Protein backbone atom coordinates (compact mmCIF):
# COMPACT_ATOMS: atom_id res chain seq x y z
CA MET A 1 155.45 11.62 210.41
CA ASN A 2 154.53 7.99 211.11
CA GLY A 3 151.31 6.02 210.70
CA THR A 4 148.36 6.18 208.33
CA ALA A 5 146.74 9.62 208.20
CA LEU A 6 143.16 8.39 207.76
CA THR A 7 141.72 5.57 209.85
CA TRP A 8 138.25 4.52 210.87
CA HIS A 9 136.32 2.68 213.54
CA GLY A 10 132.81 2.80 214.88
CA ARG A 11 131.49 4.27 211.61
CA ARG A 12 133.68 7.34 212.04
CA LEU A 13 136.67 8.58 210.06
CA TYR A 14 139.73 9.94 211.86
CA ARG A 15 142.72 11.96 210.70
CA HIS A 16 145.73 11.30 212.92
CA GLY A 17 143.30 10.17 215.61
CA VAL A 18 141.05 13.24 215.45
CA PRO A 19 137.43 12.89 214.14
CA HIS A 20 137.44 14.04 210.54
CA ARG A 21 135.29 14.47 207.45
CA VAL A 22 136.87 14.37 204.02
CA LEU A 23 135.39 17.34 202.16
CA SER A 24 136.92 16.87 198.76
CA GLY A 25 136.47 18.07 195.21
CA GLY A 26 137.38 16.53 191.90
CA LEU A 27 139.92 18.60 189.97
CA HIS A 28 141.94 16.92 187.22
CA TYR A 29 145.41 18.30 186.49
CA PHE A 30 145.14 16.97 182.94
CA ARG A 31 142.06 19.12 182.26
CA VAL A 32 143.48 22.41 183.56
CA HIS A 33 146.39 24.37 182.13
CA PRO A 34 149.36 23.96 184.53
CA GLU A 35 149.69 27.72 184.93
CA LEU A 36 146.16 27.70 186.37
CA TRP A 37 146.56 24.77 188.76
CA ARG A 38 147.22 26.94 191.80
CA ASP A 39 144.33 29.29 191.03
CA ARG A 40 141.89 26.38 190.73
CA LEU A 41 143.18 24.73 193.91
CA ARG A 42 142.60 27.97 195.80
CA ARG A 43 139.06 28.10 194.45
CA LEU A 44 138.47 24.63 195.91
CA ILE A 45 139.62 25.93 199.28
CA ASP A 46 137.28 28.92 198.89
CA LEU A 47 134.47 26.43 198.34
CA GLY A 48 135.13 25.09 201.83
CA LEU A 49 136.99 21.89 200.91
CA ASN A 50 139.93 20.34 202.73
CA THR A 51 140.92 17.79 200.08
CA VAL A 52 141.36 17.52 196.31
CA ASP A 53 141.12 14.28 194.37
CA THR A 54 142.39 13.50 190.92
CA TYR A 55 142.47 10.58 188.55
CA ILE A 56 145.71 9.66 186.78
CA PRO A 57 145.15 8.68 183.11
CA TRP A 58 147.70 6.13 181.94
CA ASN A 59 147.23 7.00 178.26
CA PHE A 60 147.95 10.68 178.92
CA HIS A 61 151.33 9.78 180.43
CA GLN A 62 152.22 6.92 178.06
CA PRO A 63 150.46 7.17 174.69
CA HIS A 64 153.12 4.95 173.06
CA GLU A 65 154.27 1.61 174.44
CA ASP A 66 157.82 2.01 173.17
CA ARG A 67 158.34 5.29 175.03
CA ALA A 68 158.70 5.67 178.78
CA PRO A 69 155.83 7.37 180.64
CA ARG A 70 156.25 11.13 180.92
CA PHE A 71 155.92 13.08 184.15
CA ASP A 72 156.97 16.53 183.00
CA GLY A 73 155.13 19.70 182.00
CA TRP A 74 151.38 19.16 181.87
CA ARG A 75 151.99 15.56 183.03
CA ASP A 76 153.85 16.54 186.20
CA VAL A 77 151.37 15.03 188.62
CA GLU A 78 153.93 15.22 191.42
CA ARG A 79 154.11 19.00 191.04
CA PHE A 80 150.31 19.18 191.14
CA ILE A 81 150.18 17.11 194.33
CA ARG A 82 152.93 19.12 196.00
CA MET A 83 151.16 22.34 195.02
CA ALA A 84 147.95 21.12 196.63
CA GLY A 85 149.90 20.39 199.80
CA GLU A 86 151.46 23.84 199.73
CA GLU A 87 147.95 25.29 199.67
CA GLY A 88 146.96 23.22 202.70
CA LEU A 89 144.91 20.54 200.94
CA ASP A 90 145.00 16.80 201.47
CA VAL A 91 145.13 14.76 198.27
CA VAL A 92 143.30 11.61 197.19
CA VAL A 93 144.82 9.91 194.14
CA ARG A 94 142.96 7.54 191.86
CA PRO A 95 145.52 5.76 189.66
CA GLY A 96 143.17 3.26 188.06
CA PRO A 97 144.55 1.87 185.81
CA TYR A 98 140.99 2.36 184.55
CA ILE A 99 139.53 5.77 185.45
CA CYS A 100 136.35 6.30 183.35
CA ALA A 101 136.19 10.11 183.82
CA GLU A 102 134.66 10.59 180.35
CA TRP A 103 138.28 10.37 179.22
CA SER A 104 139.36 8.57 176.06
CA ASN A 105 139.34 4.77 176.61
CA GLY A 106 138.81 5.31 180.33
CA GLY A 107 142.50 6.17 180.63
CA LEU A 108 143.71 2.84 179.27
CA PRO A 109 146.21 3.14 176.40
CA SER A 110 144.87 1.95 173.06
CA TRP A 111 148.16 0.20 172.32
CA LEU A 112 147.16 -2.17 175.13
CA THR A 113 143.41 -2.48 174.60
CA GLY A 114 144.00 -3.06 170.88
CA ARG A 115 145.37 -6.51 171.69
CA ASP A 116 143.41 -9.71 172.17
CA ILE A 117 143.49 -9.60 175.96
CA ALA A 118 140.97 -9.47 178.77
CA ILE A 119 141.26 -5.91 180.04
CA ARG A 120 140.42 -5.06 183.66
CA SER A 121 141.02 -8.67 184.67
CA SER A 122 143.64 -10.98 186.13
CA ASP A 123 144.78 -11.92 182.61
CA PRO A 124 148.60 -11.76 182.93
CA ALA A 125 148.79 -9.99 179.58
CA PHE A 126 146.90 -7.12 181.23
CA THR A 127 148.36 -7.18 184.73
CA ASP A 128 151.95 -7.43 183.46
CA ALA A 129 151.46 -4.19 181.52
CA VAL A 130 149.76 -2.53 184.49
CA GLY A 131 152.62 -3.65 186.70
CA ARG A 132 155.16 -1.90 184.48
CA TRP A 133 153.04 1.28 184.52
CA PHE A 134 152.72 1.11 188.30
CA ASP A 135 156.50 0.61 188.57
CA ALA A 136 156.89 4.04 186.97
CA LEU A 137 153.98 5.77 188.72
CA VAL A 138 153.32 4.45 192.20
CA PRO A 139 156.71 5.12 193.84
CA ARG A 140 156.25 8.77 192.84
CA LEU A 141 152.91 8.82 194.67
CA ALA A 142 154.24 6.86 197.63
CA ALA A 143 156.94 9.48 198.20
CA LEU A 144 154.21 12.11 198.55
CA GLN A 145 152.14 10.29 201.16
CA ALA A 146 151.31 11.84 204.52
CA ALA A 147 153.58 9.30 206.20
CA GLU A 148 156.45 10.82 204.21
CA GLY A 149 155.44 14.39 204.98
CA GLY A 150 153.36 14.82 201.81
CA PRO A 151 149.66 15.54 201.26
CA VAL A 152 148.45 12.15 199.89
CA VAL A 153 146.10 10.59 202.43
CA ALA A 154 144.26 7.97 200.38
CA VAL A 155 144.58 5.91 197.20
CA GLN A 156 141.74 4.31 195.29
CA VAL A 157 141.87 0.70 194.07
CA GLU A 158 140.63 0.51 190.44
CA ASN A 159 137.45 2.49 189.73
CA GLU A 160 133.80 1.43 189.84
CA PHE A 161 134.89 -2.10 188.99
CA GLY A 162 131.56 -3.50 190.14
CA SER A 163 129.93 -1.77 187.16
CA TYR A 164 132.16 -3.82 184.86
CA GLY A 165 133.17 -7.20 186.23
CA ASP A 166 133.60 -9.52 189.20
CA ASP A 167 137.21 -10.74 188.96
CA ARG A 168 138.10 -10.64 192.66
CA ALA A 169 141.61 -11.92 191.93
CA TYR A 170 142.23 -8.85 189.79
CA LEU A 171 141.17 -6.45 192.54
CA CYS A 172 143.35 -8.28 195.05
CA TRP A 173 146.28 -8.13 192.63
CA LEU A 174 145.79 -4.36 192.24
CA ARG A 175 145.64 -3.77 195.97
CA ASP A 176 148.82 -5.79 196.44
CA ALA A 177 150.47 -4.00 193.51
CA LEU A 178 149.91 -0.66 195.24
CA THR A 179 151.17 -1.76 198.65
CA ALA A 180 154.16 -3.59 197.18
CA ARG A 181 155.26 -0.33 195.54
CA GLY A 182 155.07 1.64 198.75
CA VAL A 183 151.45 2.73 199.34
CA THR A 184 150.76 2.72 203.08
CA GLU A 185 147.94 5.26 203.35
CA LEU A 186 144.23 4.44 203.31
CA LEU A 187 143.09 2.26 200.40
CA PHE A 188 139.48 2.25 199.25
CA THR A 189 137.23 1.06 196.45
CA ALA A 190 134.44 3.11 194.85
CA ASP A 191 131.25 1.71 193.29
CA GLY A 192 127.63 2.51 192.67
CA PRO A 193 125.32 1.89 195.66
CA THR A 194 123.65 -1.29 194.46
CA GLU A 195 124.08 -4.88 195.58
CA LEU A 196 125.22 -5.86 192.09
CA MET A 197 127.96 -3.23 191.92
CA LEU A 198 129.14 -3.63 195.49
CA ASP A 199 129.31 -7.42 195.09
CA GLY A 200 131.65 -7.01 192.13
CA GLY A 201 133.77 -4.06 193.21
CA THR A 202 134.50 -4.32 196.94
CA LEU A 203 137.27 -6.08 198.87
CA PRO A 204 137.33 -7.43 202.43
CA GLY A 205 139.46 -5.25 204.66
CA THR A 206 139.41 -2.32 202.23
CA LEU A 207 137.15 0.67 202.85
CA THR A 208 134.07 0.73 200.62
CA ALA A 209 133.08 4.11 199.17
CA VAL A 210 130.18 4.79 196.82
CA THR A 211 129.53 7.00 193.80
CA LEU A 212 126.12 8.58 193.38
CA GLY A 213 124.08 11.56 192.30
CA SER A 214 121.07 11.19 194.55
CA LYS A 215 119.43 9.19 197.36
CA PRO A 216 122.30 9.27 199.89
CA ASP A 217 120.10 7.92 202.68
CA ALA A 218 119.42 4.72 200.75
CA ALA A 219 123.14 4.35 200.01
CA ARG A 220 124.00 4.90 203.67
CA ARG A 221 121.53 2.19 204.74
CA LEU A 222 122.92 -0.26 202.18
CA LEU A 223 126.51 0.32 203.26
CA SER A 224 125.61 0.13 206.93
CA ALA A 225 124.07 -3.29 206.35
CA ARG A 226 127.10 -4.54 204.44
CA ARG A 227 129.90 -2.76 206.29
CA PRO A 228 128.49 -1.80 209.72
CA ASP A 229 131.78 -0.47 211.14
CA GLU A 230 132.79 1.69 208.18
CA PRO A 231 132.17 5.44 207.76
CA PHE A 232 129.93 6.70 204.99
CA VAL A 233 132.16 7.98 202.18
CA VAL A 234 130.89 9.20 198.81
CA ALA A 235 133.88 9.10 196.47
CA GLU A 236 131.94 10.88 193.75
CA PHE A 237 128.88 13.06 194.28
CA TRP A 238 127.62 13.93 190.80
CA ASN A 239 126.35 17.46 191.32
CA GLY A 240 126.18 17.98 187.56
CA TRP A 241 126.75 15.89 184.45
CA PHE A 242 128.70 15.78 181.19
CA ASP A 243 127.43 16.38 177.66
CA HIS A 244 127.39 14.47 174.37
CA TRP A 245 127.42 15.99 170.91
CA GLY A 246 123.91 16.29 169.53
CA GLU A 247 122.24 16.14 172.96
CA PRO A 248 121.15 18.84 175.46
CA HIS A 249 123.53 20.60 177.85
CA HIS A 250 123.04 18.86 181.18
CA VAL A 251 122.67 20.95 184.31
CA ARG A 252 121.50 20.35 187.85
CA GLY A 253 119.58 22.84 189.89
CA VAL A 254 121.31 24.43 192.87
CA ASP A 255 118.64 23.42 195.38
CA SER A 256 118.68 19.79 194.21
CA ALA A 257 122.47 19.53 194.36
CA VAL A 258 122.76 21.20 197.76
CA ARG A 259 119.98 19.09 199.26
CA THR A 260 121.83 15.91 198.26
CA LEU A 261 125.14 17.31 199.50
CA ARG A 262 123.62 18.04 202.91
CA GLY A 263 122.28 14.49 203.04
CA ILE A 264 125.73 13.06 202.33
CA ILE A 265 127.65 15.04 204.95
CA ALA A 266 125.01 14.58 207.64
CA ASP A 267 126.08 12.39 210.54
CA GLY A 268 129.78 12.70 209.74
CA GLY A 269 129.62 11.61 206.11
CA SER A 270 132.55 12.37 203.79
CA VAL A 271 132.24 13.48 200.19
CA SER A 272 134.08 14.31 197.01
CA ILE A 273 132.17 16.72 194.80
CA TYR A 274 132.45 15.45 191.23
CA MET A 275 133.33 17.72 189.65
CA ALA A 276 134.22 20.67 191.86
CA HIS A 277 135.96 22.10 188.79
CA GLY A 278 135.55 20.16 185.57
CA GLY A 279 137.96 21.88 183.22
CA THR A 280 138.32 20.97 179.56
CA ASN A 281 138.82 17.90 177.38
CA PHE A 282 141.62 19.55 175.45
CA GLY A 283 142.89 18.00 172.24
CA LEU A 284 141.17 14.73 171.35
CA TRP A 285 141.01 13.31 174.86
CA ALA A 286 137.21 13.39 175.22
CA GLY A 287 135.74 9.92 175.56
CA GLY A 288 132.32 8.58 174.72
CA ASN A 289 129.58 6.23 175.79
CA ASP A 290 128.28 3.15 174.05
CA HIS A 291 124.49 3.17 173.77
CA GLU A 292 123.05 0.07 172.13
CA GLY A 293 126.07 -0.23 169.88
CA ARG A 294 126.19 3.44 168.92
CA LEU A 295 128.76 5.93 170.10
CA GLN A 296 127.74 9.02 172.08
CA SER A 297 130.74 11.33 171.79
CA THR A 298 131.58 13.59 174.71
CA VAL A 299 132.02 17.29 173.98
CA THR A 300 135.22 19.30 174.45
CA SER A 301 134.00 21.16 177.53
CA TYR A 302 134.00 19.28 180.82
CA ASP A 303 132.28 22.12 182.66
CA SER A 304 129.89 19.54 184.13
CA ASP A 305 127.74 22.32 185.66
CA ALA A 306 130.29 22.26 188.49
CA PRO A 307 130.31 24.89 191.26
CA ILE A 308 133.55 26.25 189.77
CA ALA A 309 132.89 26.68 186.06
CA GLU A 310 135.19 25.64 183.23
CA ASP A 311 136.87 29.06 183.21
CA GLY A 312 137.04 29.30 187.02
CA THR A 313 133.89 31.38 187.48
CA LEU A 314 132.31 31.00 190.93
CA THR A 315 128.70 30.05 190.26
CA ALA A 316 125.53 30.29 192.31
CA LYS A 317 126.05 26.59 193.07
CA PHE A 318 129.49 27.45 194.50
CA PHE A 319 128.10 29.89 197.04
CA ALA A 320 125.19 27.64 198.03
CA MET A 321 127.51 24.66 198.51
CA ARG A 322 129.95 26.80 200.44
CA THR A 323 127.18 27.58 202.90
CA ALA A 324 126.18 23.92 203.14
CA LEU A 325 129.80 22.94 203.81
CA GLY A 326 130.07 25.49 206.61
CA ALA A 327 132.92 27.48 205.06
CA GLU A 328 133.95 30.36 207.28
CA ARG A 329 137.05 31.84 205.69
CA PRO A 330 136.45 34.69 203.23
CA VAL A 331 136.58 33.97 199.51
CA ARG A 332 139.99 34.99 198.16
CA SER A 333 139.41 34.28 194.48
CA SER A 334 137.86 36.63 191.96
CA ALA A 335 134.27 35.81 191.12
CA ARG A 336 135.17 35.58 187.46
CA PRO A 337 138.52 35.66 185.61
CA THR A 338 138.98 38.58 183.26
CA THR A 339 138.44 38.06 179.53
CA LEU A 340 139.49 39.62 176.25
CA PRO A 341 136.96 42.04 174.75
CA PRO A 342 134.59 40.49 172.18
CA ALA A 343 135.87 40.61 168.62
CA ARG A 344 135.30 39.20 165.14
CA VAL A 345 138.34 38.17 163.10
CA PRO A 346 138.34 37.03 159.44
CA LEU A 347 139.08 33.36 158.78
CA VAL A 348 141.27 32.88 155.72
CA HIS A 349 140.85 29.58 153.87
CA ARG A 350 144.37 28.37 153.04
CA ALA A 351 144.23 24.76 151.86
CA ASP A 352 141.80 22.01 150.91
CA LEU A 353 141.23 19.14 153.30
CA ILE A 354 142.90 16.19 151.57
CA ALA A 355 145.77 18.24 150.21
CA GLY A 356 146.48 19.63 153.68
CA LEU A 357 146.38 16.21 155.31
CA ARG A 358 148.66 14.68 152.67
CA ALA A 359 151.17 17.51 153.17
CA VAL A 360 152.07 16.08 156.60
CA ARG A 361 154.36 13.11 156.19
CA ALA A 362 153.30 9.79 157.66
CA THR A 363 154.11 6.14 157.04
CA THR A 364 151.53 4.51 154.77
CA SER A 365 150.51 0.88 155.24
CA THR A 366 149.53 -1.16 152.15
CA ALA A 367 147.40 -4.27 152.53
CA PRO A 368 144.40 -6.05 150.99
CA ARG A 369 142.09 -4.57 153.63
CA PRO A 370 142.06 -1.17 155.36
CA ALA A 371 144.30 -0.94 158.44
CA SER A 372 142.57 -0.09 161.72
CA PHE A 373 143.76 2.69 164.01
CA GLU A 374 145.22 0.04 166.30
CA GLU A 375 147.13 -1.68 163.50
CA LEU A 376 148.62 1.70 162.61
CA GLY A 377 149.53 2.48 166.23
CA LEU A 378 147.17 5.46 166.16
CA ASP A 379 145.21 6.43 169.25
CA ALA A 380 143.24 9.46 168.03
CA GLY A 381 142.75 11.54 164.92
CA MET A 382 141.99 10.19 161.47
CA VAL A 383 143.09 7.63 158.89
CA LEU A 384 143.08 8.34 155.16
CA HIS A 385 142.39 5.17 153.18
CA THR A 386 142.88 5.03 149.42
CA ALA A 387 141.93 2.31 146.92
CA HIS A 388 141.36 2.16 143.14
CA PRO A 389 138.32 -0.02 142.40
CA ARG A 390 136.77 -0.28 138.95
CA ILE A 391 133.15 0.88 139.05
CA PRO A 392 130.82 -0.45 136.34
CA PRO A 393 128.67 2.07 134.44
CA GLY A 394 125.64 3.38 136.27
CA GLU A 395 124.71 3.98 139.91
CA HIS A 396 126.02 1.66 142.59
CA ARG A 397 126.00 1.29 146.36
CA LEU A 398 129.24 1.96 148.18
CA VAL A 399 128.84 0.39 151.62
CA LEU A 400 131.12 0.81 154.64
CA THR A 401 129.95 -2.21 156.60
CA ASP A 402 131.54 -1.29 159.94
CA VAL A 403 132.94 2.24 160.25
CA ARG A 404 134.09 3.62 163.59
CA ASP A 405 133.16 6.37 163.82
CA ARG A 406 132.55 8.65 160.87
CA ALA A 407 133.92 8.71 157.32
CA LEU A 408 134.11 11.26 154.55
CA VAL A 409 133.95 9.46 151.20
CA LEU A 410 135.50 10.93 148.06
CA VAL A 411 135.83 9.63 144.49
CA ASP A 412 138.39 11.31 142.24
CA GLY A 413 138.54 14.19 144.69
CA VAL A 414 134.78 14.80 144.79
CA VAL A 415 132.93 14.34 148.08
CA LEU A 416 130.17 11.74 147.76
CA GLY A 417 128.95 11.97 151.32
CA VAL A 418 129.48 10.95 154.92
CA ALA A 419 129.12 7.40 156.21
CA CYS A 420 128.57 6.36 159.82
CA PRO A 421 127.17 3.27 161.60
CA ASP A 422 123.59 4.57 161.23
CA SER A 423 124.05 5.50 157.58
CA PRO A 424 126.78 3.30 156.15
CA GLU A 425 126.35 3.75 152.42
CA VAL A 426 126.63 6.37 149.69
CA LYS A 427 125.81 6.28 145.99
CA VAL A 428 128.53 6.28 143.38
CA LEU A 429 128.25 6.70 139.60
CA GLY A 430 130.61 4.49 137.63
CA THR A 431 131.89 4.76 134.06
CA GLY A 432 133.54 1.37 133.78
CA GLU A 433 136.92 2.84 134.70
CA ALA A 434 138.96 2.61 137.89
CA VAL A 435 138.47 5.49 140.33
CA ARG A 436 140.49 6.94 143.19
CA LEU A 437 138.42 6.11 146.26
CA GLU A 438 139.44 8.00 149.40
CA VAL A 439 137.84 7.33 152.75
CA LEU A 440 138.81 9.66 155.59
CA VAL A 441 137.82 7.97 158.86
CA GLU A 442 137.57 10.00 162.05
CA ASN A 443 137.75 8.68 165.61
CA LEU A 444 135.12 10.64 167.56
CA GLY A 445 136.22 9.44 170.99
CA ARG A 446 137.01 6.09 172.57
CA VAL A 447 134.40 4.54 174.85
CA ASN A 448 135.22 5.18 178.52
CA TYR A 449 132.57 3.14 180.35
CA GLY A 450 131.08 -0.33 180.16
CA PRO A 451 131.86 -3.38 178.04
CA GLY A 452 132.64 -1.21 175.00
CA ILE A 453 135.93 0.00 176.50
CA GLY A 454 138.77 -0.83 174.13
CA ARG A 455 136.61 -1.02 171.01
CA HIS A 456 138.71 -0.60 167.90
CA LYS A 457 138.50 2.32 165.50
CA GLY A 458 138.60 2.63 161.72
CA LEU A 459 137.16 0.74 158.77
CA LEU A 460 136.64 -2.48 160.70
CA GLY A 461 134.56 -4.28 158.09
CA PRO A 462 134.76 -4.64 154.32
CA VAL A 463 134.02 -1.76 151.96
CA LEU A 464 131.65 -2.98 149.27
CA VAL A 465 130.73 -1.87 145.78
CA ASP A 466 127.33 -3.52 145.76
CA ARG A 467 128.30 -7.06 146.84
CA ARG A 468 131.95 -6.94 145.81
CA ILE A 469 134.68 -6.24 148.41
CA VAL A 470 137.12 -3.46 147.59
CA GLN A 471 140.66 -4.76 148.10
CA GLY A 472 144.09 -3.21 147.91
CA TRP A 473 144.26 -0.26 150.32
CA ASP A 474 146.80 2.34 151.32
CA SER A 475 146.13 3.47 154.90
CA THR A 476 147.81 6.65 156.16
CA PRO A 477 147.54 7.69 159.82
CA VAL A 478 146.73 11.33 160.55
CA ALA A 479 147.95 11.83 164.12
CA LEU A 480 146.39 15.26 164.65
CA GLN A 481 146.93 15.25 168.40
CA GLU A 482 150.67 14.73 167.89
CA TRP A 483 151.24 17.22 165.09
CA SER A 484 154.03 19.67 165.73
CA ALA A 485 153.64 23.35 164.95
CA THR A 486 155.75 22.75 161.83
CA GLU A 487 153.50 19.94 160.63
CA LEU A 488 150.41 22.08 161.19
CA GLU A 489 152.03 24.87 159.19
CA SER A 490 152.73 22.40 156.37
CA ALA A 491 149.06 21.47 156.21
CA VAL A 492 147.96 25.11 156.13
CA ALA A 493 150.49 25.89 153.39
CA ALA A 494 149.24 23.16 151.05
CA GLY A 495 146.98 25.58 149.10
CA PRO A 496 145.28 26.87 147.17
CA ALA A 497 141.82 26.34 148.66
CA THR A 498 139.21 25.34 146.09
CA THR A 499 136.54 23.57 148.18
CA ARG A 500 134.47 24.44 151.25
CA ALA A 501 136.48 22.25 153.65
CA GLY A 502 140.09 22.27 154.74
CA PHE A 503 142.53 24.44 156.66
CA ALA A 504 142.07 28.10 157.56
CA ASP A 505 143.65 30.52 159.97
CA ALA A 506 143.03 33.82 161.70
CA THR A 507 145.35 36.24 163.43
CA VAL A 508 144.29 37.54 166.83
CA HIS A 509 146.17 40.52 168.26
CA VAL A 510 146.32 40.69 172.05
CA ASP A 511 147.77 43.37 174.32
CA VAL A 512 147.60 41.33 177.54
CA PRO A 513 146.64 37.64 177.41
CA GLU A 514 143.28 36.93 179.04
CA ASP A 515 140.73 34.14 178.78
CA THR A 516 138.45 34.06 175.77
CA PHE A 517 135.79 31.84 174.22
CA LEU A 518 136.06 30.97 170.54
CA ALA A 519 133.10 30.45 168.22
CA LEU A 520 132.93 29.66 164.50
CA PRO A 521 129.56 30.82 163.20
CA GLY A 522 128.76 29.33 159.81
CA SER A 523 131.31 26.53 160.12
CA GLY A 524 130.18 22.93 160.40
CA ARG A 525 132.52 20.57 162.21
CA GLY A 526 136.20 20.40 162.91
CA LEU A 527 139.14 21.21 165.15
CA VAL A 528 140.81 24.37 166.46
CA TRP A 529 144.46 25.03 167.33
CA VAL A 530 145.71 28.12 169.20
CA ASN A 531 149.38 28.90 168.59
CA GLY A 532 149.92 25.27 167.65
CA PHE A 533 148.06 23.82 170.66
CA LEU A 534 145.09 21.61 169.79
CA LEU A 535 142.23 23.18 171.73
CA GLY A 536 139.55 20.67 170.78
CA ARG A 537 136.58 19.79 168.60
CA TYR A 538 133.64 21.97 167.55
CA TRP A 539 130.43 20.78 165.87
CA GLU A 540 127.38 22.69 164.78
CA ILE A 541 125.02 20.03 166.15
CA GLY A 542 125.87 21.34 169.63
CA PRO A 543 125.14 21.65 172.41
CA GLN A 544 128.54 23.31 172.89
CA VAL A 545 129.06 26.42 170.78
CA THR A 546 132.16 28.09 172.26
CA LEU A 547 135.57 26.63 173.03
CA TYR A 548 137.28 27.86 176.19
CA CYS A 549 140.74 29.29 175.49
CA PRO A 550 142.64 29.92 178.75
CA ALA A 551 144.91 32.95 178.89
CA PRO A 552 148.19 30.96 179.14
CA LEU A 553 147.68 29.68 175.58
CA LEU A 554 147.87 33.25 174.27
CA ARG A 555 150.79 35.68 174.07
CA ALA A 556 151.11 39.43 173.81
CA GLY A 557 151.06 40.43 170.16
CA ALA A 558 149.95 38.25 167.23
CA ASN A 559 148.32 34.87 167.90
CA THR A 560 147.46 32.30 165.24
CA VAL A 561 144.20 30.35 165.41
CA THR A 562 144.15 27.44 162.96
CA VAL A 563 140.95 25.67 161.95
CA LEU A 564 140.52 22.27 160.32
CA GLU A 565 137.00 22.29 158.89
CA LEU A 566 135.57 18.99 157.67
CA ALA A 567 132.31 20.16 156.11
CA ARG A 568 131.70 23.86 155.47
CA LEU A 569 133.99 26.69 156.50
CA GLY A 570 132.46 29.93 157.73
CA GLY A 571 134.23 33.19 157.18
CA VAL A 572 134.76 34.45 160.70
CA LEU A 573 136.24 33.60 164.09
CA GLU A 574 134.46 35.14 167.07
CA LEU A 575 136.06 35.93 170.40
CA ARG A 576 133.39 36.06 173.08
CA ASP A 577 133.47 37.03 176.74
CA ARG A 578 130.96 34.38 177.85
CA PRO A 579 130.69 30.64 177.24
CA GLU A 580 127.79 29.17 175.30
CA LEU A 581 127.35 25.52 176.19
CA GLY A 582 123.88 25.04 174.77
CA PRO A 583 120.23 24.93 175.85
CA PRO A 584 120.12 23.43 179.37
CA GLU A 585 118.25 20.33 180.46
CA GLU A 586 117.96 19.23 184.09
CA TYR A 587 119.64 15.87 184.72
CA VAL A 588 120.07 13.94 187.95
CA GLU A 589 121.74 10.53 187.83
CA GLU A 590 119.82 7.92 189.81
CA PHE A 591 120.32 4.24 190.51
CA ALA A 592 117.28 2.03 190.42
């Protein structure tokens, strides 16, 4: 098949010369278990869509610089694209290298952003690394283009760059990097519908798309004035929103979302519903936002109040949008996947926190100051810092001058408290003797949007006893996201348990694996593994209460759920048949 699938002229989009509207939905292969990819793609078709779009997160494929990018298993993006084509969907790919997506570091690997370089710019130190990544990735995508008989019909250049910078040379380099590696299908940029963002993020000769949650008529007028011959394309229509820990669960009313959708697709407009199916931030891949220097950590669920819920449930929004999109074929998918029956299973406390962490071998760095995550080559997880300062008699201030993001402070094995940027100090009682000071620093998610992208993690400033700097530190990385099943078992076996925090497990017996939702009533904050797979983070501050556990993570017979509790372990694991994502609050993103 020759020629570009999608073309435009006279403000209209064409597919192989026939008038066409892209009716797309965001569905990220990296947020859905591979055994569920086909089911979720079929649900997009049931919604009335003809296209699926996905980001490609560089750090998911290449978390370590010294190892080649992986494209197998969960990372087999080619299989996902081919599967979409088999189901009759076109595919839009968004390879970044920056993707935002509420994904850790906006998809950029921390081994790169940890350097003193200008990210998302024409700095050769950045573009050289991107070029090597594109060498591995882009030919795989090019082979799946419509011109080659595949389903890929469009490729995005960068992502909302106009919200970040104005380096036109960088955008031109990226466009050329894609075409030089074989991309021949439609290229486009995507930015917010403001003069500021469009000035920074668009390219002459490349289709301009917008991202928005409301006011499509104003966006259409703005684009018509700037690009009078181009069709109106909304690369992201935010029909819901994501959540941060400690904030409300964001939702968007059906009527509001459908009204905006109708406004977008009027007069031949094209759209990608973001998200059509949000999925889950499994492991420690959830990102965060920087708000006035403080981190807002994104929750494990990426349900996003999408028309297809996190577990695949077809919501009221699904059926209303289906009507608005003019879907005529009957719905093939079940309204709701089946679940395990509700149950309560005892949690058995096996090992204390520090003992369990120390039981997993890791290379310790020794230096006058604490090593950052980046210096240790650690993307996510924790770092255990140990020093032996002498504390004079009496009460003193122990100050962590710049901690990113949260630290548990212990002296001689006793927890003194938690330090964070808003509350950086704890009190310590000295006797005149040296103490064993342990500081367990947790990364709560790397910033994925704005100038804070690439911010380092760890104890980034001095630790003080009153005015005196503590020097001489052992820093041990705790790479939780990379722990093998054997390493996790070593941590659990490091008992006995004598405190309220640490490692616990529960055994769940299953006849036939089905979806379930896990809750930990009485527990405070920590992580959950299912049969050795890191499901994600839980936190009593909410809004999210339950963690979605898809059926493919379970097996017939005995299943082991492992919990790492950082504050206060409850005594029970609950299996529920419904999600609980927190008290809802209406949210509609608007540009001024």
